[in-house]
């Protein structure tokens, strides 16, 4: 089973988040340019950013469809894959999963990222993709817990803040 790290990183790349101890939520565009790119994309050059942004938008649409239980929109991602130097097609399986078929030809940084994203999407268990349960949080995560009961994308800030809110609701001043 995959941990879906790349898929989750791409799905959350432009999400609004409120870091620990921050008063206001912020939108950090991790794909704006290489100067703001997260660790996953730092080795890539500016020439690959348009392709990576298209890939990111396609992954976001697929992840949200899988979380919602609707058929994922694979057309845009498969169109990107058809233009890439590797021929990769993503197919929706009857069991709800996804399967990638790959025939590599040559690889650029964006093509390598595309191949990895397709591999992760085809190996992940769609029911383990989740949205953070904290209403103010828009991030997604892949639940790797044995019981498949993870509720927040991270303990800090969301798990801690949600428990604090419940405590304040139970014990008003």
N, C-alpha and C. Protein backbone atom coordinates (compact mmCIF):
# COMPACT_ATOMS: atom_id res chain seq x y z
N UNK A 1 0.84 -1.18 0.00
CA UNK A 1 0.00 0.00 0.00
C UNK A 1 0.89 1.25 0.00
N UNK A 2 0.48 2.24 -0.72
CA UNK A 2 1.21 3.51 -0.81
C UNK A 2 0.84 4.43 0.34
N UNK A 3 1.70 5.37 0.67
CA UNK A 3 1.33 6.38 1.66
C UNK A 3 0.76 7.62 0.98
N UNK A 4 0.76 7.62 -0.36
CA UNK A 4 0.16 8.69 -1.16
C UNK A 4 0.74 10.06 -0.85
N UNK A 5 1.99 10.13 -0.46
CA UNK A 5 2.61 11.40 -0.08
C UNK A 5 2.59 12.43 -1.20
N UNK A 6 2.92 12.02 -2.42
CA UNK A 6 2.92 12.95 -3.53
C UNK A 6 1.52 13.43 -3.85
N UNK A 7 0.57 12.52 -3.89
CA UNK A 7 -0.82 12.88 -4.19
C UNK A 7 -1.34 13.87 -3.16
N UNK A 8 -1.09 13.61 -1.89
CA UNK A 8 -1.53 14.52 -0.83
C UNK A 8 -0.83 15.87 -0.93
N UNK A 9 0.48 15.87 -1.21
CA UNK A 9 1.22 17.13 -1.36
C UNK A 9 0.66 17.95 -2.52
N UNK A 10 0.37 17.31 -3.64
CA UNK A 10 -0.20 18.03 -4.77
C UNK A 10 -1.62 18.52 -4.47
N UNK A 11 -2.42 17.70 -3.80
CA UNK A 11 -3.79 18.09 -3.47
C UNK A 11 -3.82 19.28 -2.51
N UNK A 12 -2.82 19.39 -1.65
CA UNK A 12 -2.79 20.46 -0.65
C UNK A 12 -1.90 21.64 -1.05
N UNK A 13 -1.32 21.61 -2.24
CA UNK A 13 -0.32 22.61 -2.63
C UNK A 13 -0.84 24.05 -2.60
N UNK A 14 -2.11 24.27 -2.84
CA UNK A 14 -2.64 25.63 -2.88
C UNK A 14 -3.78 25.83 -1.88
N UNK A 15 -3.92 24.93 -0.93
CA UNK A 15 -5.02 25.01 0.03
C UNK A 15 -4.78 26.09 1.07
N UNK A 16 -5.88 26.63 1.57
CA UNK A 16 -5.81 27.60 2.66
C UNK A 16 -5.48 26.83 3.93
N UNK A 17 -4.56 27.35 4.72
CA UNK A 17 -4.20 26.69 5.97
C UNK A 17 -3.93 27.72 7.03
N UNK A 18 -4.08 27.30 8.26
CA UNK A 18 -3.81 28.17 9.40
C UNK A 18 -2.76 27.49 10.26
N UNK A 19 -1.51 27.87 10.12
CA UNK A 19 -0.44 27.22 10.89
C UNK A 19 -0.62 27.41 12.39
N UNK A 20 0.05 26.59 13.18
CA UNK A 20 0.01 26.72 14.63
C UNK A 20 0.39 28.14 15.02
N UNK A 21 -0.32 28.67 15.99
CA UNK A 21 -0.09 30.00 16.56
C UNK A 21 -0.37 31.14 15.59
N UNK A 22 -0.96 30.87 14.45
CA UNK A 22 -1.29 31.95 13.51
C UNK A 22 -2.71 32.42 13.79
N UNK A 23 -2.92 33.72 13.74
CA UNK A 23 -4.25 34.28 13.99
C UNK A 23 -5.13 34.19 12.76
N UNK A 24 -4.54 34.28 11.59
CA UNK A 24 -5.30 34.29 10.35
C UNK A 24 -4.90 33.11 9.46
N UNK A 25 -5.86 32.65 8.68
CA UNK A 25 -5.58 31.61 7.69
C UNK A 25 -4.83 32.24 6.52
N UNK A 26 -3.97 31.47 5.90
CA UNK A 26 -3.21 31.95 4.76
C UNK A 26 -3.30 30.96 3.62
N UNK A 27 -3.18 31.48 2.41
CA UNK A 27 -3.10 30.61 1.24
C UNK A 27 -1.68 30.72 0.73
N UNK A 28 -0.96 29.64 0.85
CA UNK A 28 0.40 29.59 0.35
C UNK A 28 0.38 28.80 -0.95
N UNK A 29 0.77 29.43 -2.03
CA UNK A 29 0.80 28.75 -3.32
C UNK A 29 2.18 28.13 -3.47
N UNK A 30 2.27 26.86 -3.14
CA UNK A 30 3.56 26.16 -3.20
C UNK A 30 4.04 25.98 -4.62
N UNK A 31 3.20 26.27 -5.60
CA UNK A 31 3.60 26.11 -7.00
C UNK A 31 3.68 27.44 -7.74
N UNK A 32 3.75 28.55 -7.02
CA UNK A 32 3.81 29.86 -7.67
C UNK A 32 5.09 30.01 -8.48
N UNK A 33 6.20 29.63 -7.92
CA UNK A 33 7.49 29.67 -8.60
C UNK A 33 8.44 28.78 -7.82
N UNK A 34 9.63 28.58 -8.34
CA UNK A 34 10.56 27.68 -7.65
C UNK A 34 11.01 28.24 -6.31
N UNK A 35 10.93 29.57 -6.14
CA UNK A 35 11.30 30.17 -4.86
C UNK A 35 10.36 29.78 -3.74
N UNK A 36 9.08 29.54 -4.06
CA UNK A 36 8.10 29.18 -3.04
C UNK A 36 7.72 27.70 -3.10
N UNK A 37 8.30 26.96 -4.01
CA UNK A 37 7.96 25.54 -4.16
C UNK A 37 8.33 24.76 -2.90
N UNK A 38 7.49 23.81 -2.54
CA UNK A 38 7.80 23.01 -1.35
C UNK A 38 8.95 22.05 -1.63
N UNK A 39 9.38 21.32 -0.63
CA UNK A 39 10.54 20.44 -0.76
C UNK A 39 10.37 19.42 -1.88
N UNK A 40 9.17 19.00 -2.11
CA UNK A 40 8.91 18.01 -3.15
C UNK A 40 9.28 18.53 -4.53
N UNK A 41 9.02 19.83 -4.78
CA UNK A 41 9.23 20.40 -6.11
C UNK A 41 10.49 21.25 -6.21
N UNK A 42 11.21 21.47 -5.13
CA UNK A 42 12.37 22.35 -5.14
C UNK A 42 13.41 21.99 -6.21
N UNK A 43 13.69 20.71 -6.48
CA UNK A 43 14.72 20.40 -7.48
C UNK A 43 14.31 20.72 -8.92
N UNK A 44 13.05 21.00 -9.16
CA UNK A 44 12.60 21.24 -10.53
C UNK A 44 12.88 22.67 -10.94
N UNK A 45 12.96 22.90 -12.21
CA UNK A 45 13.19 24.25 -12.72
C UNK A 45 11.88 24.91 -13.12
N UNK A 46 11.95 26.22 -13.39
CA UNK A 46 10.76 26.97 -13.82
C UNK A 46 10.13 26.41 -15.08
N UNK A 47 10.93 25.80 -15.93
CA UNK A 47 10.38 25.29 -17.20
C UNK A 47 9.31 24.22 -16.98
N UNK A 48 9.36 23.54 -15.85
CA UNK A 48 8.40 22.46 -15.58
C UNK A 48 7.18 22.93 -14.81
N UNK A 49 7.18 24.16 -14.29
CA UNK A 49 6.08 24.60 -13.42
C UNK A 49 4.72 24.62 -14.11
N UNK A 50 4.56 25.07 -15.35
CA UNK A 50 3.22 25.01 -15.96
C UNK A 50 2.67 23.58 -16.04
N UNK A 51 3.52 22.63 -16.41
CA UNK A 51 3.07 21.24 -16.48
C UNK A 51 2.74 20.71 -15.09
N UNK A 52 3.52 21.09 -14.10
CA UNK A 52 3.28 20.64 -12.74
C UNK A 52 2.00 21.26 -12.19
N UNK A 53 1.74 22.54 -12.51
CA UNK A 53 0.49 23.17 -12.07
C UNK A 53 -0.72 22.46 -12.69
N UNK A 54 -0.66 22.12 -13.97
CA UNK A 54 -1.75 21.38 -14.61
C UNK A 54 -1.94 20.02 -13.95
N UNK A 55 -0.83 19.35 -13.66
CA UNK A 55 -0.89 18.07 -12.96
C UNK A 55 -1.53 18.24 -11.59
N UNK A 56 -1.14 19.29 -10.87
CA UNK A 56 -1.68 19.53 -9.53
C UNK A 56 -3.18 19.75 -9.57
N UNK A 57 -3.66 20.55 -10.51
CA UNK A 57 -5.10 20.82 -10.61
C UNK A 57 -5.87 19.54 -10.93
N UNK A 58 -5.31 18.70 -11.79
CA UNK A 58 -5.96 17.43 -12.12
C UNK A 58 -6.01 16.50 -10.92
N UNK A 59 -4.91 16.44 -10.16
CA UNK A 59 -4.87 15.58 -8.97
C UNK A 59 -5.88 16.07 -7.93
N UNK A 60 -5.99 17.38 -7.75
CA UNK A 60 -6.97 17.92 -6.80
C UNK A 60 -8.38 17.47 -7.18
N UNK A 61 -8.74 17.59 -8.44
CA UNK A 61 -10.08 17.18 -8.89
C UNK A 61 -10.31 15.70 -8.67
N UNK A 62 -9.31 14.87 -8.94
CA UNK A 62 -9.45 13.42 -8.75
C UNK A 62 -9.57 13.09 -7.28
N UNK A 63 -8.73 13.68 -6.43
CA UNK A 63 -8.77 13.41 -4.99
C UNK A 63 -10.13 13.78 -4.40
N UNK A 64 -10.65 14.95 -4.74
CA UNK A 64 -11.95 15.36 -4.19
C UNK A 64 -13.07 14.46 -4.69
N UNK A 65 -13.01 14.02 -5.94
CA UNK A 65 -14.02 13.09 -6.44
C UNK A 65 -13.94 11.76 -5.71
N UNK A 66 -12.73 11.25 -5.47
CA UNK A 66 -12.59 9.99 -4.74
C UNK A 66 -13.11 10.11 -3.32
N UNK A 67 -12.81 11.22 -2.65
CA UNK A 67 -13.30 11.43 -1.29
C UNK A 67 -14.82 11.49 -1.28
N UNK A 68 -15.40 12.15 -2.27
CA UNK A 68 -16.86 12.28 -2.35
C UNK A 68 -17.55 11.02 -2.86
N UNK A 69 -16.78 10.04 -3.35
CA UNK A 69 -17.37 8.81 -3.85
C UNK A 69 -17.94 8.92 -5.25
N UNK A 70 -17.55 9.95 -5.98
CA UNK A 70 -18.04 10.11 -7.35
C UNK A 70 -16.95 9.67 -8.33
N UNK A 71 -17.34 9.39 -9.58
CA UNK A 71 -16.33 8.97 -10.56
C UNK A 71 -15.28 10.08 -10.75
N UNK A 72 -14.02 9.74 -10.67
CA UNK A 72 -12.98 10.77 -10.79
C UNK A 72 -12.86 11.27 -12.23
N UNK A 73 -12.63 12.58 -12.42
CA UNK A 73 -12.45 13.14 -13.76
C UNK A 73 -11.03 12.86 -14.26
N UNK A 74 -10.88 11.78 -15.00
CA UNK A 74 -9.55 11.34 -15.42
C UNK A 74 -9.11 11.94 -16.75
N UNK A 75 -10.02 12.57 -17.48
CA UNK A 75 -9.71 13.07 -18.81
C UNK A 75 -8.55 14.04 -18.85
N UNK A 76 -8.55 15.04 -17.96
CA UNK A 76 -7.49 16.05 -17.96
C UNK A 76 -6.13 15.43 -17.63
N UNK A 77 -6.10 14.54 -16.64
CA UNK A 77 -4.84 13.91 -16.26
C UNK A 77 -4.34 13.01 -17.39
N UNK A 78 -5.23 12.26 -18.01
CA UNK A 78 -4.82 11.41 -19.12
C UNK A 78 -4.36 12.24 -20.32
N UNK A 79 -4.95 13.43 -20.51
CA UNK A 79 -4.51 14.31 -21.60
C UNK A 79 -3.09 14.82 -21.32
N UNK A 80 -2.81 15.16 -20.06
CA UNK A 80 -1.45 15.57 -19.68
C UNK A 80 -0.49 14.41 -19.92
N UNK A 81 -0.91 13.22 -19.51
CA UNK A 81 -0.06 12.04 -19.69
C UNK A 81 0.21 11.76 -21.16
N UNK A 82 -0.77 12.00 -22.02
CA UNK A 82 -0.59 11.75 -23.46
C UNK A 82 0.43 12.71 -24.07
N UNK A 83 0.56 13.92 -23.49
CA UNK A 83 1.54 14.89 -24.00
C UNK A 83 2.92 14.67 -23.41
N UNK A 84 2.99 13.92 -22.33
CA UNK A 84 4.26 13.71 -21.63
C UNK A 84 5.13 12.74 -22.42
N UNK A 85 6.43 12.76 -22.16
CA UNK A 85 7.33 11.86 -22.86
C UNK A 85 7.19 10.40 -22.44
N UNK A 86 6.21 10.10 -21.62
CA UNK A 86 5.90 8.72 -21.28
C UNK A 86 4.40 8.57 -21.48
N UNK A 87 4.00 7.47 -22.04
CA UNK A 87 2.59 7.23 -22.28
C UNK A 87 2.04 6.50 -21.05
N UNK A 88 1.18 7.17 -20.33
CA UNK A 88 0.57 6.61 -19.13
C UNK A 88 -0.92 6.90 -19.17
N UNK A 89 -1.71 5.89 -18.91
CA UNK A 89 -3.16 6.06 -18.90
C UNK A 89 -3.67 5.61 -17.55
N UNK A 90 -4.55 6.40 -16.96
CA UNK A 90 -5.17 6.06 -15.68
C UNK A 90 -6.59 5.61 -15.94
N UNK A 91 -6.98 4.47 -15.38
CA UNK A 91 -8.31 3.92 -15.61
C UNK A 91 -9.02 3.70 -14.28
N UNK A 92 -10.32 3.97 -14.27
CA UNK A 92 -11.16 3.77 -13.08
C UNK A 92 -11.61 2.31 -13.08
N UNK A 93 -11.30 1.59 -12.03
CA UNK A 93 -11.64 0.17 -11.92
C UNK A 93 -13.03 0.01 -11.32
N UNK A 94 -13.71 -1.10 -11.60
CA UNK A 94 -15.05 -1.34 -11.04
C UNK A 94 -15.09 -1.35 -9.51
N UNK A 95 -13.97 -1.72 -8.86
CA UNK A 95 -13.94 -1.75 -7.40
C UNK A 95 -13.74 -0.37 -6.78
N UNK A 96 -13.66 0.68 -7.61
CA UNK A 96 -13.50 2.04 -7.12
C UNK A 96 -12.07 2.52 -7.14
N UNK A 97 -11.12 1.62 -7.34
CA UNK A 97 -9.72 2.01 -7.38
C UNK A 97 -9.31 2.52 -8.76
N UNK A 98 -8.07 2.91 -8.86
CA UNK A 98 -7.53 3.39 -10.12
C UNK A 98 -6.33 2.53 -10.49
N UNK A 99 -6.10 2.36 -11.81
CA UNK A 99 -4.97 1.57 -12.28
C UNK A 99 -4.21 2.37 -13.34
N UNK A 100 -2.90 2.43 -13.21
CA UNK A 100 -2.08 3.13 -14.18
C UNK A 100 -1.33 2.13 -15.05
N UNK A 101 -1.30 2.42 -16.34
CA UNK A 101 -0.52 1.64 -17.28
C UNK A 101 0.55 2.58 -17.84
N UNK A 102 1.80 2.19 -17.78
CA UNK A 102 2.91 3.07 -18.11
C UNK A 102 3.80 2.47 -19.19
N UNK A 103 4.17 3.30 -20.16
CA UNK A 103 5.17 2.94 -21.16
C UNK A 103 6.14 4.12 -21.27
N UNK A 104 7.20 4.17 -20.43
CA UNK A 104 8.10 5.31 -20.45
C UNK A 104 8.90 5.39 -21.75
N UNK A 105 9.13 6.62 -22.21
CA UNK A 105 9.94 6.85 -23.40
C UNK A 105 11.19 7.65 -23.03
N UNK A 106 11.04 8.81 -22.42
CA UNK A 106 12.13 9.60 -21.87
C UNK A 106 11.55 10.39 -20.71
N UNK A 107 12.38 10.90 -19.85
CA UNK A 107 11.83 11.53 -18.65
C UNK A 107 12.39 12.94 -18.43
N UNK A 108 11.50 13.88 -18.16
CA UNK A 108 11.86 15.20 -17.65
C UNK A 108 11.43 15.20 -16.19
N UNK A 109 11.71 16.27 -15.49
CA UNK A 109 11.29 16.34 -14.09
C UNK A 109 9.78 16.29 -13.98
N UNK A 110 9.07 17.02 -14.84
CA UNK A 110 7.61 17.02 -14.80
C UNK A 110 7.06 15.64 -15.17
N UNK A 111 7.68 14.98 -16.15
CA UNK A 111 7.22 13.65 -16.54
C UNK A 111 7.44 12.64 -15.42
N UNK A 112 8.58 12.74 -14.73
CA UNK A 112 8.84 11.84 -13.61
C UNK A 112 7.82 12.05 -12.50
N UNK A 113 7.46 13.33 -12.23
CA UNK A 113 6.45 13.63 -11.23
C UNK A 113 5.10 13.08 -11.64
N UNK A 114 4.76 13.23 -12.91
CA UNK A 114 3.51 12.70 -13.44
C UNK A 114 3.45 11.18 -13.26
N UNK A 115 4.52 10.51 -13.60
CA UNK A 115 4.56 9.04 -13.48
C UNK A 115 4.36 8.63 -12.03
N UNK A 116 5.03 9.32 -11.11
CA UNK A 116 4.89 9.00 -9.69
C UNK A 116 3.47 9.26 -9.19
N UNK A 117 2.87 10.38 -9.63
CA UNK A 117 1.50 10.69 -9.22
C UNK A 117 0.53 9.63 -9.75
N UNK A 118 0.70 9.22 -10.99
CA UNK A 118 -0.17 8.18 -11.54
C UNK A 118 0.00 6.86 -10.81
N UNK A 119 1.25 6.52 -10.46
CA UNK A 119 1.49 5.28 -9.71
C UNK A 119 0.80 5.33 -8.36
N UNK A 120 0.97 6.45 -7.64
CA UNK A 120 0.34 6.56 -6.33
C UNK A 120 -1.18 6.52 -6.43
N UNK A 121 -1.74 7.22 -7.40
CA UNK A 121 -3.20 7.21 -7.57
C UNK A 121 -3.71 5.80 -7.86
N UNK A 122 -2.95 5.03 -8.63
CA UNK A 122 -3.40 3.68 -8.97
C UNK A 122 -3.24 2.71 -7.81
N UNK A 123 -2.36 3.01 -6.85
CA UNK A 123 -2.12 2.09 -5.73
C UNK A 123 -2.86 2.47 -4.45
N UNK A 124 -3.33 3.70 -4.34
CA UNK A 124 -3.97 4.09 -3.09
C UNK A 124 -5.36 3.48 -2.95
N UNK A 125 -5.80 3.39 -1.72
CA UNK A 125 -7.13 2.90 -1.40
C UNK A 125 -8.04 4.13 -1.27
N UNK A 126 -8.96 4.35 -2.22
CA UNK A 126 -9.74 5.59 -2.23
C UNK A 126 -10.47 5.90 -0.92
N UNK A 127 -10.88 4.89 -0.18
CA UNK A 127 -11.61 5.14 1.06
C UNK A 127 -10.71 5.72 2.15
N UNK A 128 -9.39 5.67 1.98
CA UNK A 128 -8.47 6.22 2.97
C UNK A 128 -8.10 7.68 2.68
N UNK A 129 -8.52 8.20 1.54
CA UNK A 129 -8.34 9.63 1.25
C UNK A 129 -9.43 10.37 2.01
N UNK A 130 -9.05 11.38 2.76
CA UNK A 130 -10.03 12.10 3.59
C UNK A 130 -9.75 13.59 3.59
N UNK A 131 -10.79 14.35 3.92
CA UNK A 131 -10.63 15.76 4.23
C UNK A 131 -10.49 15.88 5.74
N UNK A 132 -9.70 16.82 6.19
CA UNK A 132 -9.56 17.08 7.61
C UNK A 132 -10.94 17.41 8.17
N UNK A 133 -11.30 16.83 9.32
CA UNK A 133 -12.63 17.04 9.91
C UNK A 133 -12.79 18.40 10.57
N UNK A 134 -11.71 19.12 10.78
CA UNK A 134 -11.82 20.45 11.37
C UNK A 134 -12.43 21.38 10.34
N UNK A 135 -13.58 21.97 10.62
CA UNK A 135 -14.31 22.76 9.60
C UNK A 135 -13.48 23.87 8.96
N UNK A 136 -12.56 24.46 9.72
CA UNK A 136 -11.77 25.56 9.18
C UNK A 136 -10.62 25.09 8.28
N UNK A 137 -10.39 23.80 8.22
CA UNK A 137 -9.25 23.27 7.48
C UNK A 137 -9.71 22.67 6.15
N UNK A 138 -9.00 22.99 5.09
CA UNK A 138 -9.36 22.50 3.76
C UNK A 138 -8.38 21.44 3.25
N UNK A 139 -7.47 20.97 4.11
CA UNK A 139 -6.44 20.04 3.66
C UNK A 139 -6.97 18.61 3.60
N UNK A 140 -6.37 17.82 2.73
CA UNK A 140 -6.70 16.40 2.63
C UNK A 140 -5.51 15.60 3.16
N UNK A 141 -5.77 14.34 3.48
CA UNK A 141 -4.70 13.46 3.94
C UNK A 141 -5.05 12.03 3.56
N UNK A 142 -4.07 11.16 3.67
CA UNK A 142 -4.26 9.73 3.40
C UNK A 142 -4.12 9.02 4.73
N UNK A 143 -5.18 8.37 5.17
CA UNK A 143 -5.22 7.71 6.48
C UNK A 143 -4.44 6.40 6.42
N UNK A 144 -3.32 6.35 7.09
CA UNK A 144 -2.50 5.14 7.11
C UNK A 144 -2.64 4.38 8.43
N UNK A 145 -3.56 4.82 9.30
CA UNK A 145 -3.72 4.12 10.56
C UNK A 145 -4.33 2.75 10.33
N UNK A 146 -4.01 1.81 11.20
CA UNK A 146 -4.51 0.46 11.06
C UNK A 146 -6.04 0.42 11.11
N UNK A 147 -6.63 1.22 11.99
CA UNK A 147 -8.08 1.22 12.17
C UNK A 147 -8.80 2.11 11.15
N UNK A 148 -8.05 2.86 10.36
CA UNK A 148 -8.61 3.78 9.35
C UNK A 148 -9.59 4.76 10.00
N UNK A 149 -9.18 5.35 11.13
CA UNK A 149 -10.05 6.28 11.86
C UNK A 149 -9.43 7.65 12.05
N UNK A 150 -8.37 7.96 11.32
CA UNK A 150 -7.73 9.27 11.47
C UNK A 150 -8.73 10.36 11.08
N UNK A 151 -8.77 11.44 11.86
CA UNK A 151 -9.78 12.48 11.64
C UNK A 151 -9.20 13.80 11.14
N UNK A 152 -7.94 14.08 11.48
CA UNK A 152 -7.35 15.36 11.12
C UNK A 152 -6.11 15.13 10.28
N UNK A 153 -5.77 16.11 9.45
CA UNK A 153 -4.58 15.96 8.62
C UNK A 153 -3.31 15.96 9.46
N UNK A 154 -3.36 16.59 10.64
CA UNK A 154 -2.20 16.63 11.54
C UNK A 154 -2.68 16.90 12.95
N UNK A 155 -1.90 16.44 13.91
CA UNK A 155 -2.21 16.70 15.32
C UNK A 155 -2.12 18.20 15.61
N UNK A 156 -1.08 18.84 15.09
CA UNK A 156 -0.91 20.28 15.25
C UNK A 156 -1.03 20.90 13.88
N UNK A 157 -1.92 21.75 13.66
CA UNK A 157 -2.76 22.42 14.64
C UNK A 157 -4.14 21.79 14.81
N UNK A 158 -4.63 21.01 13.85
CA UNK A 158 -6.04 20.66 13.83
C UNK A 158 -6.53 19.78 14.97
N UNK A 159 -5.82 18.69 15.27
CA UNK A 159 -6.27 17.82 16.35
C UNK A 159 -6.32 18.56 17.68
N UNK A 160 -5.27 19.29 17.97
CA UNK A 160 -5.19 20.06 19.21
C UNK A 160 -6.30 21.11 19.27
N UNK A 161 -6.49 21.86 18.21
CA UNK A 161 -7.50 22.92 18.22
C UNK A 161 -8.92 22.35 18.34
N UNK A 162 -9.17 21.22 17.71
CA UNK A 162 -10.51 20.62 17.79
C UNK A 162 -10.79 20.13 19.20
N UNK A 163 -9.81 19.51 19.86
CA UNK A 163 -10.00 19.08 21.24
C UNK A 163 -10.18 20.28 22.16
N UNK A 164 -9.44 21.36 21.93
CA UNK A 164 -9.60 22.57 22.73
C UNK A 164 -11.01 23.13 22.56
N UNK A 165 -11.53 23.15 21.35
CA UNK A 165 -12.87 23.66 21.10
C UNK A 165 -13.92 22.81 21.83
N UNK A 166 -13.77 21.49 21.76
CA UNK A 166 -14.73 20.62 22.46
C UNK A 166 -14.68 20.84 23.97
N UNK A 167 -13.47 21.02 24.50
CA UNK A 167 -13.32 21.27 25.93
C UNK A 167 -14.02 22.59 26.31
N UNK A 168 -13.82 23.63 25.53
CA UNK A 168 -14.47 24.93 25.82
C UNK A 168 -16.00 24.82 25.71
N UNK A 169 -16.47 24.01 24.76
CA UNK A 169 -17.93 23.83 24.63
C UNK A 169 -18.52 23.09 25.83
N UNK A 170 -17.75 22.13 26.38
CA UNK A 170 -18.23 21.37 27.55
C UNK A 170 -18.11 22.15 28.84
N UNK A 171 -17.13 23.04 28.93
CA UNK A 171 -16.86 23.79 30.15
C UNK A 171 -16.86 25.29 29.87
N UNK A 172 -18.02 25.85 29.62
CA UNK A 172 -18.03 27.31 29.35
C UNK A 172 -17.67 28.08 30.60
N UNK A 173 -17.13 29.24 30.43
CA UNK A 173 -16.70 30.07 31.57
C UNK A 173 -17.86 30.79 32.18
